[in-house]
Amino acid sequence: ANTYTVTLTVTDEWGLASAPVSKTVTITEPTDNVAPTTVFNPPACTSLTCNFSGVGSADSNTGDTFAYKWDFGHPNVSTSTSSAPSKTFPGAGTYTVTLTTTDGWGKASSVTRNLTFTEPANNVAPTPVLNTPSCTNLTCSFSSAGSADPNTGDIISYRWDFGTPALSQSTSANPSNRTFPADGTYTVTLTTTDGWGKSASTTREVTVTTAPPP
């Protein structure tokens, strides 16, 4: 709601323009306007990943629009403006999730649910697989293909340590084009961690050498 000045200028193909004509338009919130009704359906969760839905939320004012905003109660889980977002939470705990719907006039309503995640009693760490790297001279590409978590729906994060401070660690599943600082043998470690914080590591000795002179 506000007062807006709308201006029309007409220009022909030769670039000749008319004098601008302006009108003032005032938009006023209807006196009977009410906030939308927010519906926060029970989420469907597998492990730490949940599908949310605001389906059923509505605005009783004819022709009014409304927007969604989800807050998932943790700084590592970004907000969403989707009507049905999917989010993965960072670990065990209780999260306060809030859905707010706001109409075009700024009127809003909210519904909150508390979600509690508890590590399953049968949870085990994921199994890391550090495959034989592909190396050319001092540069190698690595692969974690085959790493897996036996717990259905659990997530895996990766951390690579290349055995030398000259190479920064990596959180990629398959880091490539890592160039070691000199000829030698390096102990490379891959650690896989699940969403509950359980981890396992494996190591491999990697020997690199510069190409012999022609």
N, C-alpha and C. Protein backbone atom coordinates (compact mmCIF):
# COMPACT_ATOMS: atom_id res chain seq x y z
N ALA A 1 0.84 -1.19 0.00
CA ALA A 1 0.00 0.00 0.00
C ALA A 1 0.88 1.24 0.00
N ASN A 2 0.54 2.18 -0.91
CA ASN A 2 1.31 3.41 -0.99
C ASN A 2 0.71 4.27 -2.09
N THR A 3 1.27 5.46 -2.29
CA THR A 3 0.89 6.33 -3.40
C THR A 3 2.04 6.34 -4.41
N TYR A 4 1.71 6.08 -5.68
CA TYR A 4 2.71 5.96 -6.73
C TYR A 4 2.40 6.98 -7.83
N THR A 5 3.44 7.58 -8.41
CA THR A 5 3.29 8.46 -9.57
C THR A 5 3.65 7.67 -10.81
N VAL A 6 2.66 7.46 -11.71
CA VAL A 6 2.85 6.69 -12.93
C VAL A 6 2.95 7.67 -14.10
N THR A 7 4.03 7.55 -14.90
CA THR A 7 4.27 8.48 -15.99
C THR A 7 4.31 7.73 -17.32
N LEU A 8 3.61 8.28 -18.34
CA LEU A 8 3.61 7.73 -19.68
C LEU A 8 4.23 8.73 -20.65
N THR A 9 5.23 8.28 -21.40
CA THR A 9 5.81 9.07 -22.48
C THR A 9 5.73 8.24 -23.75
N VAL A 10 5.23 8.84 -24.85
CA VAL A 10 5.08 8.13 -26.12
C VAL A 10 6.16 8.63 -27.08
N THR A 11 6.93 7.68 -27.68
CA THR A 11 8.01 8.02 -28.61
C THR A 11 7.79 7.31 -29.93
N ASP A 12 7.92 8.07 -31.05
CA ASP A 12 7.73 7.43 -32.36
C ASP A 12 9.06 6.88 -32.87
N GLU A 13 9.01 6.25 -34.08
CA GLU A 13 10.20 5.59 -34.60
C GLU A 13 11.32 6.55 -34.96
N TRP A 14 11.01 7.85 -35.08
CA TRP A 14 12.03 8.86 -35.39
C TRP A 14 12.65 9.43 -34.13
N GLY A 15 12.16 8.97 -32.98
CA GLY A 15 12.72 9.45 -31.73
C GLY A 15 12.03 10.66 -31.16
N LEU A 16 10.94 11.08 -31.82
CA LEU A 16 10.20 12.23 -31.31
C LEU A 16 9.30 11.78 -30.16
N ALA A 17 9.40 12.44 -29.05
CA ALA A 17 8.67 12.03 -27.86
C ALA A 17 7.63 13.06 -27.48
N SER A 18 6.54 12.56 -26.95
CA SER A 18 5.51 13.45 -26.43
C SER A 18 5.92 13.99 -25.07
N ALA A 19 5.23 14.98 -24.65
CA ALA A 19 5.43 15.42 -23.27
C ALA A 19 4.92 14.33 -22.34
N PRO A 20 5.61 14.07 -21.25
CA PRO A 20 5.13 13.04 -20.32
C PRO A 20 3.82 13.45 -19.65
N VAL A 21 2.99 12.45 -19.42
CA VAL A 21 1.74 12.65 -18.69
C VAL A 21 1.79 11.77 -17.44
N SER A 22 1.47 12.32 -16.31
CA SER A 22 1.57 11.59 -15.04
C SER A 22 0.23 11.53 -14.34
N LYS A 23 0.01 10.45 -13.66
CA LYS A 23 -1.16 10.27 -12.81
C LYS A 23 -0.69 9.74 -11.46
N THR A 24 -1.39 10.08 -10.44
CA THR A 24 -1.10 9.57 -9.10
C THR A 24 -2.06 8.43 -8.80
N VAL A 25 -1.49 7.30 -8.39
CA VAL A 25 -2.29 6.12 -8.08
C VAL A 25 -2.08 5.79 -6.60
N THR A 26 -3.16 5.67 -5.87
CA THR A 26 -3.08 5.33 -4.45
C THR A 26 -3.64 3.94 -4.23
N ILE A 27 -2.81 3.08 -3.63
CA ILE A 27 -3.20 1.70 -3.33
C ILE A 27 -3.44 1.62 -1.83
N THR A 28 -4.63 1.19 -1.45
CA THR A 28 -5.01 1.14 -0.04
C THR A 28 -5.38 -0.28 0.34
N GLU A 29 -4.84 -0.74 1.47
CA GLU A 29 -5.19 -2.08 1.96
C GLU A 29 -6.67 -2.14 2.29
N PRO A 30 -7.38 -3.17 1.80
CA PRO A 30 -8.81 -3.29 2.13
C PRO A 30 -9.02 -3.38 3.65
N THR A 31 -10.08 -2.78 4.10
CA THR A 31 -10.35 -2.78 5.54
C THR A 31 -10.64 -4.18 6.07
N ASP A 32 -11.10 -5.08 5.19
CA ASP A 32 -11.42 -6.44 5.64
C ASP A 32 -10.27 -7.42 5.40
N ASN A 33 -9.09 -6.91 5.02
CA ASN A 33 -7.96 -7.81 4.75
C ASN A 33 -7.51 -8.51 6.03
N VAL A 34 -7.24 -9.80 5.88
CA VAL A 34 -6.71 -10.59 7.00
C VAL A 34 -5.48 -11.36 6.51
N ALA A 35 -4.65 -11.80 7.44
CA ALA A 35 -3.46 -12.57 7.10
C ALA A 35 -3.85 -13.92 6.51
N PRO A 36 -2.99 -14.49 5.68
CA PRO A 36 -3.26 -15.84 5.18
C PRO A 36 -3.31 -16.85 6.32
N THR A 37 -3.94 -17.98 6.05
CA THR A 37 -3.95 -19.09 7.01
C THR A 37 -2.78 -20.01 6.67
N THR A 38 -1.88 -20.19 7.63
CA THR A 38 -0.69 -21.00 7.40
C THR A 38 -0.95 -22.44 7.81
N VAL A 39 -0.63 -23.37 6.91
CA VAL A 39 -0.74 -24.81 7.20
C VAL A 39 0.66 -25.41 7.09
N PHE A 40 1.14 -25.97 8.17
CA PHE A 40 2.45 -26.61 8.23
C PHE A 40 2.19 -28.10 8.42
N ASN A 41 2.25 -28.85 7.31
CA ASN A 41 1.96 -30.28 7.37
C ASN A 41 3.09 -31.04 8.07
N PRO A 42 2.80 -32.20 8.68
CA PRO A 42 3.86 -33.00 9.29
C PRO A 42 4.92 -33.36 8.26
N PRO A 43 6.20 -33.08 8.54
CA PRO A 43 7.24 -33.39 7.56
C PRO A 43 7.48 -34.89 7.44
N ALA A 44 7.95 -35.29 6.26
CA ALA A 44 8.34 -36.69 6.02
C ALA A 44 9.87 -36.75 6.05
N CYS A 45 10.41 -37.47 7.03
CA CYS A 45 11.86 -37.48 7.26
C CYS A 45 12.44 -38.88 7.08
N THR A 46 13.60 -38.93 6.43
CA THR A 46 14.42 -40.13 6.35
C THR A 46 15.79 -39.77 6.86
N SER A 47 16.19 -40.39 7.95
CA SER A 47 17.42 -40.02 8.62
C SER A 47 17.35 -38.54 8.97
N LEU A 48 18.29 -37.73 8.47
CA LEU A 48 18.33 -36.30 8.81
C LEU A 48 17.74 -35.42 7.71
N THR A 49 17.18 -36.02 6.67
CA THR A 49 16.62 -35.26 5.56
C THR A 49 15.10 -35.27 5.64
N CYS A 50 14.50 -34.08 5.55
CA CYS A 50 13.04 -33.97 5.67
C CYS A 50 12.46 -33.23 4.48
N ASN A 51 11.28 -33.69 4.04
CA ASN A 51 10.50 -32.98 3.04
C ASN A 51 9.36 -32.25 3.74
N PHE A 52 9.28 -30.94 3.52
CA PHE A 52 8.28 -30.10 4.17
C PHE A 52 7.21 -29.68 3.18
N SER A 53 6.05 -29.31 3.69
CA SER A 53 4.96 -28.89 2.82
C SER A 53 4.07 -27.87 3.53
N GLY A 54 3.79 -26.79 2.80
CA GLY A 54 2.82 -25.80 3.27
C GLY A 54 1.52 -25.89 2.50
N VAL A 55 1.31 -27.03 1.80
CA VAL A 55 0.09 -27.22 1.01
C VAL A 55 -1.13 -27.11 1.92
N GLY A 56 -2.12 -26.36 1.48
CA GLY A 56 -3.31 -26.11 2.28
C GLY A 56 -3.33 -24.70 2.84
N SER A 57 -2.18 -24.03 2.85
CA SER A 57 -2.15 -22.62 3.24
C SER A 57 -2.99 -21.83 2.23
N ALA A 58 -3.69 -20.81 2.71
CA ALA A 58 -4.62 -20.09 1.82
C ALA A 58 -4.84 -18.67 2.32
N ASP A 59 -5.31 -17.82 1.41
CA ASP A 59 -5.69 -16.45 1.76
C ASP A 59 -7.17 -16.28 1.43
N SER A 60 -7.95 -15.86 2.41
CA SER A 60 -9.40 -15.76 2.23
C SER A 60 -9.81 -14.53 1.45
N ASN A 61 -8.87 -13.62 1.21
CA ASN A 61 -9.19 -12.40 0.46
C ASN A 61 -9.04 -12.66 -1.04
N THR A 62 -10.11 -12.49 -1.77
CA THR A 62 -10.12 -12.80 -3.20
C THR A 62 -9.04 -12.01 -3.94
N GLY A 63 -8.26 -12.72 -4.74
CA GLY A 63 -7.24 -12.07 -5.57
C GLY A 63 -5.95 -11.75 -4.87
N ASP A 64 -5.89 -11.96 -3.55
CA ASP A 64 -4.65 -11.65 -2.83
C ASP A 64 -3.64 -12.78 -3.06
N THR A 65 -2.38 -12.43 -3.03
CA THR A 65 -1.31 -13.40 -3.16
C THR A 65 -0.61 -13.55 -1.82
N PHE A 66 0.12 -14.65 -1.65
CA PHE A 66 0.90 -14.77 -0.43
C PHE A 66 2.20 -15.50 -0.72
N ALA A 67 3.18 -15.26 0.14
CA ALA A 67 4.51 -15.84 -0.03
C ALA A 67 4.83 -16.69 1.19
N TYR A 68 5.71 -17.69 0.97
CA TYR A 68 6.15 -18.59 2.03
C TYR A 68 7.55 -18.20 2.50
N LYS A 69 7.80 -18.38 3.78
CA LYS A 69 9.17 -18.30 4.29
C LYS A 69 9.33 -19.35 5.39
N TRP A 70 10.33 -20.24 5.20
CA TRP A 70 10.64 -21.28 6.16
C TRP A 70 11.93 -20.92 6.90
N ASP A 71 11.89 -21.07 8.21
CA ASP A 71 13.10 -20.94 9.03
C ASP A 71 13.27 -22.29 9.74
N PHE A 72 14.45 -22.91 9.55
CA PHE A 72 14.64 -24.28 10.03
C PHE A 72 15.38 -24.37 11.36
N GLY A 73 15.59 -23.24 12.01
CA GLY A 73 16.07 -23.26 13.38
C GLY A 73 17.53 -23.56 13.56
N HIS A 74 18.32 -23.43 12.46
CA HIS A 74 19.77 -23.67 12.58
C HIS A 74 20.49 -22.86 11.51
N PRO A 75 21.60 -22.19 11.88
CA PRO A 75 22.29 -21.34 10.90
C PRO A 75 22.87 -22.10 9.72
N ASN A 76 23.08 -23.41 9.86
CA ASN A 76 23.64 -24.20 8.76
C ASN A 76 22.57 -24.74 7.81
N VAL A 77 21.29 -24.46 8.12
CA VAL A 77 20.20 -24.88 7.25
C VAL A 77 19.53 -23.61 6.73
N SER A 78 19.73 -23.31 5.45
CA SER A 78 19.27 -22.04 4.90
C SER A 78 17.75 -21.95 4.87
N THR A 79 17.24 -20.72 4.97
CA THR A 79 15.81 -20.49 4.87
C THR A 79 15.34 -20.82 3.45
N SER A 80 14.02 -20.91 3.28
CA SER A 80 13.47 -21.24 1.97
C SER A 80 12.19 -20.46 1.74
N THR A 81 11.92 -20.11 0.46
CA THR A 81 10.66 -19.48 0.09
C THR A 81 9.81 -20.42 -0.78
N SER A 82 10.18 -21.69 -0.81
CA SER A 82 9.40 -22.68 -1.55
C SER A 82 8.19 -23.10 -0.74
N SER A 83 7.15 -23.56 -1.42
CA SER A 83 5.99 -24.08 -0.69
C SER A 83 6.26 -25.48 -0.13
N ALA A 84 7.26 -26.18 -0.72
CA ALA A 84 7.54 -27.56 -0.30
C ALA A 84 9.05 -27.83 -0.39
N PRO A 85 9.84 -27.28 0.52
CA PRO A 85 11.30 -27.48 0.46
C PRO A 85 11.72 -28.81 1.05
N SER A 86 12.93 -29.25 0.67
CA SER A 86 13.58 -30.42 1.28
C SER A 86 14.87 -29.95 1.91
N LYS A 87 15.14 -30.37 3.15
CA LYS A 87 16.32 -29.90 3.87
C LYS A 87 16.97 -31.05 4.63
N THR A 88 18.30 -30.98 4.75
CA THR A 88 19.07 -31.94 5.54
C THR A 88 19.64 -31.23 6.75
N PHE A 89 19.40 -31.79 7.93
CA PHE A 89 19.84 -31.17 9.18
C PHE A 89 21.22 -31.68 9.56
N PRO A 90 21.97 -30.89 10.35
CA PRO A 90 23.39 -31.20 10.58
C PRO A 90 23.68 -32.26 11.63
N GLY A 91 22.68 -32.78 12.33
CA GLY A 91 22.98 -33.80 13.32
C GLY A 91 21.85 -33.96 14.32
N ALA A 92 22.09 -34.81 15.32
CA ALA A 92 21.08 -35.06 16.34
C ALA A 92 20.76 -33.77 17.09
N GLY A 93 19.52 -33.65 17.53
CA GLY A 93 19.11 -32.47 18.29
C GLY A 93 17.66 -32.12 18.00
N THR A 94 17.20 -31.06 18.64
CA THR A 94 15.84 -30.56 18.43
C THR A 94 15.92 -29.22 17.70
N TYR A 95 15.16 -29.10 16.62
CA TYR A 95 15.17 -27.91 15.79
C TYR A 95 13.76 -27.31 15.78
N THR A 96 13.66 -26.00 15.94
CA THR A 96 12.39 -25.31 15.89
C THR A 96 12.19 -24.77 14.48
N VAL A 97 11.25 -25.37 13.75
CA VAL A 97 11.01 -25.01 12.35
C VAL A 97 9.74 -24.16 12.28
N THR A 98 9.82 -23.02 11.59
CA THR A 98 8.70 -22.08 11.50
C THR A 98 8.36 -21.81 10.05
N LEU A 99 7.09 -21.92 9.70
CA LEU A 99 6.59 -21.51 8.39
C LEU A 99 5.76 -20.24 8.57
N THR A 100 6.10 -19.20 7.82
CA THR A 100 5.36 -17.94 7.83
C THR A 100 4.82 -17.68 6.43
N THR A 101 3.53 -17.35 6.34
CA THR A 101 2.95 -16.92 5.07
C THR A 101 2.58 -15.44 5.21
N THR A 102 2.90 -14.67 4.16
CA THR A 102 2.68 -13.22 4.18
C THR A 102 1.95 -12.81 2.92
N ASP A 103 0.89 -12.00 3.06
CA ASP A 103 0.13 -11.59 1.87
C ASP A 103 0.76 -10.35 1.25
N GLY A 104 0.17 -9.89 0.15
CA GLY A 104 0.73 -8.76 -0.58
C GLY A 104 0.72 -7.46 0.19
N TRP A 105 -0.08 -7.38 1.24
CA TRP A 105 -0.15 -6.17 2.06
C TRP A 105 0.80 -6.23 3.25
N GLY A 106 1.45 -7.38 3.42
CA GLY A 106 2.39 -7.50 4.54
C GLY A 106 1.83 -8.17 5.77
N LYS A 107 0.57 -8.58 5.72
CA LYS A 107 0.00 -9.29 6.86
C LYS A 107 0.49 -10.73 6.85
N ALA A 108 0.86 -11.25 8.03
CA ALA A 108 1.51 -12.56 8.10
C ALA A 108 0.95 -13.39 9.24
N SER A 109 1.07 -14.72 9.09
CA SER A 109 0.79 -15.65 10.18
C SER A 109 1.82 -16.76 10.14
N SER A 110 2.08 -17.39 11.27
CA SER A 110 3.14 -18.40 11.38
C SER A 110 2.66 -19.63 12.13
N VAL A 111 3.28 -20.76 11.80
CA VAL A 111 3.07 -22.01 12.53
C VAL A 111 4.45 -22.62 12.78
N THR A 112 4.65 -23.16 13.99
CA THR A 112 5.95 -23.71 14.39
C THR A 112 5.80 -25.17 14.80
N ARG A 113 6.81 -25.96 14.43
CA ARG A 113 6.91 -27.35 14.89
C ARG A 113 8.33 -27.59 15.41
N ASN A 114 8.44 -28.40 16.44
CA ASN A 114 9.74 -28.84 16.92
C ASN A 114 10.05 -30.22 16.35
N LEU A 115 11.21 -30.34 15.70
CA LEU A 115 11.65 -31.62 15.15
C LEU A 115 12.83 -32.13 15.97
N THR A 116 12.74 -33.37 16.44
CA THR A 116 13.83 -33.96 17.22
C THR A 116 14.41 -35.14 16.46
N PHE A 117 15.74 -35.11 16.30
CA PHE A 117 16.46 -36.18 15.61
C PHE A 117 17.35 -36.90 16.62
N THR A 118 17.21 -38.21 16.68
CA THR A 118 18.01 -39.03 17.58
C THR A 118 18.77 -40.06 16.76
N GLU A 119 20.06 -40.19 17.03
CA GLU A 119 20.87 -41.16 16.29
C GLU A 119 20.33 -42.57 16.49
N PRO A 120 20.09 -43.31 15.41
CA PRO A 120 19.58 -44.68 15.55
C PRO A 120 20.56 -45.55 16.33
N ALA A 121 20.02 -46.48 17.09
CA ALA A 121 20.87 -47.35 17.91
C ALA A 121 21.78 -48.22 17.05
N ASN A 122 21.33 -48.53 15.82
CA ASN A 122 22.12 -49.41 14.95
C ASN A 122 22.99 -48.63 13.96
N ASN A 123 23.15 -47.33 14.20
CA ASN A 123 23.94 -46.53 13.26
C ASN A 123 25.42 -46.91 13.33
N VAL A 124 26.04 -47.03 12.16
CA VAL A 124 27.47 -47.30 12.08
C VAL A 124 28.11 -46.29 11.14
N ALA A 125 29.41 -46.15 11.23
CA ALA A 125 30.14 -45.21 10.39
C ALA A 125 30.13 -45.67 8.94
N PRO A 126 30.21 -44.74 7.99
CA PRO A 126 30.32 -45.14 6.59
C PRO A 126 31.67 -45.79 6.32
N THR A 127 31.72 -46.58 5.27
CA THR A 127 32.95 -47.27 4.88
C THR A 127 33.67 -46.47 3.80
N PRO A 128 34.88 -45.96 4.10
CA PRO A 128 35.60 -45.20 3.08
C PRO A 128 36.36 -46.12 2.12
N VAL A 129 36.38 -45.75 0.86
CA VAL A 129 37.17 -46.47 -0.14
C VAL A 129 38.08 -45.46 -0.82
N LEU A 130 39.38 -45.66 -0.68
CA LEU A 130 40.36 -44.78 -1.31
C LEU A 130 40.98 -45.56 -2.46
N ASN A 131 40.51 -45.28 -3.65
CA ASN A 131 40.97 -46.02 -4.83
C ASN A 131 42.38 -45.59 -5.24
N THR A 132 43.02 -46.44 -6.03
CA THR A 132 44.35 -46.12 -6.54
C THR A 132 44.28 -44.83 -7.35
N PRO A 133 45.06 -43.82 -6.97
CA PRO A 133 44.97 -42.54 -7.69
C PRO A 133 45.56 -42.63 -9.09
N SER A 134 45.14 -41.71 -9.93
CA SER A 134 45.69 -41.58 -11.27
C SER A 134 46.69 -40.42 -11.25
N CYS A 135 47.98 -40.74 -11.47
CA CYS A 135 49.03 -39.74 -11.32
C CYS A 135 49.81 -39.55 -12.62
N THR A 136 50.13 -38.31 -12.90
CA THR A 136 51.06 -37.95 -13.98
C THR A 136 52.14 -37.06 -13.36
N ASN A 137 53.35 -37.58 -13.30
CA ASN A 137 54.45 -36.88 -12.63
C ASN A 137 54.04 -36.59 -11.17
N LEU A 138 53.98 -35.33 -10.77
CA LEU A 138 53.66 -35.00 -9.38
C LEU A 138 52.18 -34.72 -9.15
N THR A 139 51.37 -34.81 -10.20
CA THR A 139 49.95 -34.44 -10.10
C THR A 139 49.07 -35.69 -10.10
N CYS A 140 48.17 -35.75 -9.12
CA CYS A 140 47.31 -36.93 -8.97
C CYS A 140 45.84 -36.51 -8.85
N SER A 141 44.98 -37.39 -9.32
CA SER A 141 43.54 -37.26 -9.12
C SER A 141 43.07 -38.45 -8.30
N PHE A 142 42.17 -38.19 -7.34
CA PHE A 142 41.75 -39.20 -6.38
C PHE A 142 40.26 -39.50 -6.53
N SER A 143 39.87 -40.69 -6.06
CA SER A 143 38.47 -41.11 -6.15
C SER A 143 38.07 -41.87 -4.89
N SER A 144 36.85 -41.56 -4.41
CA SER A 144 36.28 -42.28 -3.27
C SER A 144 35.17 -43.22 -3.72
N ALA A 145 35.07 -43.49 -5.02
CA ALA A 145 34.01 -44.35 -5.55
C ALA A 145 33.96 -45.67 -4.79
N GLY A 146 32.77 -46.07 -4.39
CA GLY A 146 32.59 -47.29 -3.62
C GLY A 146 32.39 -47.04 -2.14
N SER A 147 32.73 -45.82 -1.67
CA SER A 147 32.43 -45.47 -0.28
C SER A 147 30.93 -45.51 -0.07
N ALA A 148 30.50 -46.00 1.08
CA ALA A 148 29.06 -46.18 1.28
C ALA A 148 28.71 -46.16 2.75
N ASP A 149 27.45 -45.87 3.01
CA ASP A 149 26.92 -45.93 4.37
C ASP A 149 25.81 -46.98 4.39
N PRO A 150 25.91 -47.99 5.26
CA PRO A 150 24.90 -49.05 5.27
C PRO A 150 23.56 -48.62 5.83
N ASN A 151 23.51 -47.44 6.47
CA ASN A 151 22.26 -46.96 7.06
C ASN A 151 21.46 -46.21 6.00
N THR A 152 20.27 -46.69 5.72
CA THR A 152 19.44 -46.13 4.66
C THR A 152 19.17 -44.65 4.89
N GLY A 153 19.42 -43.86 3.83
CA GLY A 153 19.10 -42.44 3.88
C GLY A 153 20.15 -41.59 4.55
N ASP A 154 21.21 -42.19 5.10
CA ASP A 154 22.24 -41.39 5.77
C ASP A 154 23.10 -40.69 4.72
N ILE A 155 23.68 -39.58 5.11
CA ILE A 155 24.53 -38.82 4.21
C ILE A 155 25.99 -39.07 4.54
N ILE A 156 26.86 -38.81 3.58
CA ILE A 156 28.30 -38.98 3.77
C ILE A 156 29.00 -37.68 3.41
N SER A 157 29.91 -37.24 4.27
CA SER A 157 30.81 -36.15 3.90
C SER A 157 32.24 -36.70 3.85
N TYR A 158 33.09 -36.03 3.07
CA TYR A 158 34.44 -36.52 2.80
C TYR A 158 35.47 -35.50 3.29
N ARG A 159 36.60 -36.01 3.77
CA ARG A 159 37.74 -35.16 4.07
C ARG A 159 39.02 -35.88 3.66
N TRP A 160 39.80 -35.24 2.80
CA TRP A 160 41.06 -35.80 2.32
C TRP A 160 42.22 -35.04 2.95
N ASP A 161 43.20 -35.78 3.44
CA ASP A 161 44.46 -35.21 3.90
C ASP A 161 45.55 -35.83 3.04
N PHE A 162 46.33 -34.98 2.39
CA PHE A 162 47.28 -35.47 1.38
C PHE A 162 48.70 -35.67 1.93
N GLY A 163 48.84 -35.58 3.23
CA GLY A 163 50.11 -35.95 3.85
C GLY A 163 51.21 -34.93 3.75
N THR A 164 50.86 -33.70 3.36
CA THR A 164 51.85 -32.63 3.29
C THR A 164 51.14 -31.30 3.52
N PRO A 165 51.74 -30.40 4.31
CA PRO A 165 51.12 -29.09 4.53
C PRO A 165 51.07 -28.25 3.26
N ALA A 166 51.82 -28.65 2.23
CA ALA A 166 51.81 -27.90 0.98
C ALA A 166 50.49 -28.06 0.22
N LEU A 167 49.70 -29.11 0.55
CA LEU A 167 48.41 -29.34 -0.10
C LEU A 167 47.30 -29.20 0.93
N SER A 168 46.35 -28.32 0.65
CA SER A 168 45.23 -28.14 1.56
C SER A 168 44.32 -29.36 1.53
N GLN A 169 43.61 -29.58 2.63
CA GLN A 169 42.66 -30.68 2.67
C GLN A 169 41.51 -30.41 1.69
N SER A 170 40.77 -31.46 1.37
CA SER A 170 39.65 -31.34 0.44
C SER A 170 38.43 -32.03 1.02
N THR A 171 37.25 -31.47 0.73
CA THR A 171 35.98 -32.10 1.12
C THR A 171 35.22 -32.61 -0.11
N SER A 172 35.91 -32.65 -1.25
CA SER A 172 35.30 -33.20 -2.46
C SER A 172 35.30 -34.73 -2.39
N ALA A 173 34.31 -35.34 -3.03
CA ALA A 173 34.31 -36.80 -3.09
C ALA A 173 35.46 -37.31 -3.96
N ASN A 174 35.81 -36.53 -4.98
CA ASN A 174 36.83 -36.97 -5.93
C ASN A 174 37.74 -35.79 -6.29
N PRO A 175 38.64 -35.41 -5.41
CA PRO A 175 39.52 -34.27 -5.72
C PRO A 175 40.48 -34.60 -6.85
N SER A 176 40.68 -33.66 -7.74
CA SER A 176 41.52 -33.90 -8.91
C SER A 176 42.64 -32.87 -9.01
N ASN A 177 43.64 -33.23 -9.78
CA ASN A 177 44.75 -32.33 -10.11
C ASN A 177 45.42 -31.75 -8.86
N ARG A 178 45.77 -32.64 -7.95
CA ARG A 178 46.53 -32.24 -6.76
C ARG A 178 48.01 -32.44 -7.07
N THR A 179 48.77 -31.37 -6.99
CA THR A 179 50.19 -31.44 -7.33
C THR A 179 51.03 -31.42 -6.06
N PHE A 180 51.79 -32.51 -5.85
CA PHE A 180 52.64 -32.61 -4.67
C PHE A 180 53.90 -31.76 -4.86
N PRO A 181 54.50 -31.33 -3.74
CA PRO A 181 55.60 -30.35 -3.84
C PRO A 181 56.92 -30.92 -4.34
N ALA A 182 57.10 -32.23 -4.23
CA ALA A 182 58.39 -32.82 -4.62
C ALA A 182 58.24 -34.33 -4.76
N ASP A 183 59.24 -34.95 -5.38
CA ASP A 183 59.27 -36.41 -5.45
C ASP A 183 59.20 -36.98 -4.04
N GLY A 184 58.51 -38.11 -3.92
CA GLY A 184 58.49 -38.76 -2.62
C GLY A 184 57.25 -39.61 -2.43
N THR A 185 57.14 -40.18 -1.25
CA THR A 185 55.99 -41.00 -0.88
C THR A 185 55.20 -40.27 0.19
N TYR A 186 53.90 -40.14 -0.03
CA TYR A 186 53.02 -39.38 0.86
C TYR A 186 51.92 -40.30 1.36
N THR A 187 51.55 -40.13 2.63
CA THR A 187 50.46 -40.89 3.22
C THR A 187 49.17 -40.09 3.06
N VAL A 188 48.29 -40.57 2.20
CA VAL A 188 47.03 -39.89 1.93
C VAL A 188 45.93 -40.57 2.74
N THR A 189 45.12 -39.77 3.41
CA THR A 189 44.05 -40.29 4.27
C THR A 189 42.70 -39.78 3.81
N LEU A 190 41.75 -40.69 3.67
CA LEU A 190 40.36 -40.33 3.37
C LEU A 190 39.51 -40.67 4.59
N THR A 191 38.76 -39.68 5.08
CA THR A 191 37.84 -39.88 6.20
C THR A 191 36.42 -39.62 5.71
N THR A 192 35.53 -40.57 5.96
CA THR A 192 34.11 -40.38 5.64
C THR A 192 33.34 -40.26 6.95
N THR A 193 32.40 -39.31 6.99
CA THR A 193 31.63 -39.04 8.20
C THR A 193 30.15 -39.00 7.85
N ASP A 194 29.32 -39.64 8.67
CA ASP A 194 27.89 -39.61 8.39
C ASP A 194 27.24 -38.41 9.07
N GLY A 195 25.94 -38.26 8.87
CA GLY A 195 25.23 -37.11 9.41
C GLY A 195 25.18 -37.05 10.91
N TRP A 196 25.41 -38.17 11.57
CA TRP A 196 25.38 -38.22 13.03
C TRP A 196 26.75 -37.99 13.64
N GLY A 197 27.77 -37.85 12.78
CA GLY A 197 29.12 -37.58 13.28
C GLY A 197 30.00 -38.80 13.40
N LYS A 198 29.50 -39.98 13.04
CA LYS A 198 30.33 -41.19 13.07
C LYS A 198 31.23 -41.21 11.83
N SER A 199 32.51 -41.53 12.05
CA SER A 199 33.46 -41.47 10.94
C SER A 199 34.39 -42.67 10.94
N ALA A 200 34.99 -42.90 9.78
CA ALA A 200 35.99 -43.95 9.60
C ALA A 200 37.00 -43.45 8.58
N SER A 201 38.24 -43.93 8.70
CA SER A 201 39.31 -43.46 7.82
C SER A 201 40.06 -44.62 7.19
N THR A 202 40.67 -44.34 6.06
CA THR A 202 41.56 -45.30 5.42
C THR A 202 42.72 -44.52 4.82
N THR A 203 43.88 -45.16 4.72
CA THR A 203 45.07 -44.48 4.20
C THR A 203 45.67 -45.27 3.04
N ARG A 204 46.46 -44.56 2.22
CA ARG A 204 47.18 -45.19 1.11
C ARG A 204 48.49 -44.43 0.92
N GLU A 205 49.55 -45.18 0.72
CA GLU A 205 50.84 -44.57 0.39
C GLU A 205 50.87 -44.26 -1.10
N VAL A 206 51.15 -43.01 -1.43
CA VAL A 206 51.18 -42.58 -2.82
C VAL A 206 52.58 -42.07 -3.14
N THR A 207 53.23 -42.68 -4.12
CA THR A 207 54.57 -42.28 -4.52
C THR A 207 54.49 -41.53 -5.84
N VAL A 208 55.10 -40.34 -5.85
CA VAL A 208 55.08 -39.51 -7.07
C VAL A 208 56.52 -39.16 -7.43
N THR A 209 56.75 -38.95 -8.71
CA THR A 209 58.09 -38.61 -9.17
C THR A 209 57.99 -37.77 -10.42
N THR A 210 58.92 -36.84 -10.58
CA THR A 210 58.95 -36.04 -11.79
C THR A 210 59.36 -36.92 -12.96
N ALA A 211 58.99 -36.50 -14.16
CA ALA A 211 59.35 -37.29 -15.34
C ALA A 211 60.84 -37.24 -15.56
N PRO A 212 61.44 -38.34 -15.97
CA PRO A 212 62.86 -38.30 -16.26
C PRO A 212 63.15 -37.39 -17.44
N PRO A 213 64.36 -36.78 -17.47
CA PRO A 213 64.66 -35.86 -18.60
C PRO A 213 64.70 -36.65 -19.90
N PRO A 214 64.35 -35.98 -21.03
CA PRO A 214 64.35 -36.68 -22.32
C PRO A 214 65.77 -37.08 -22.73
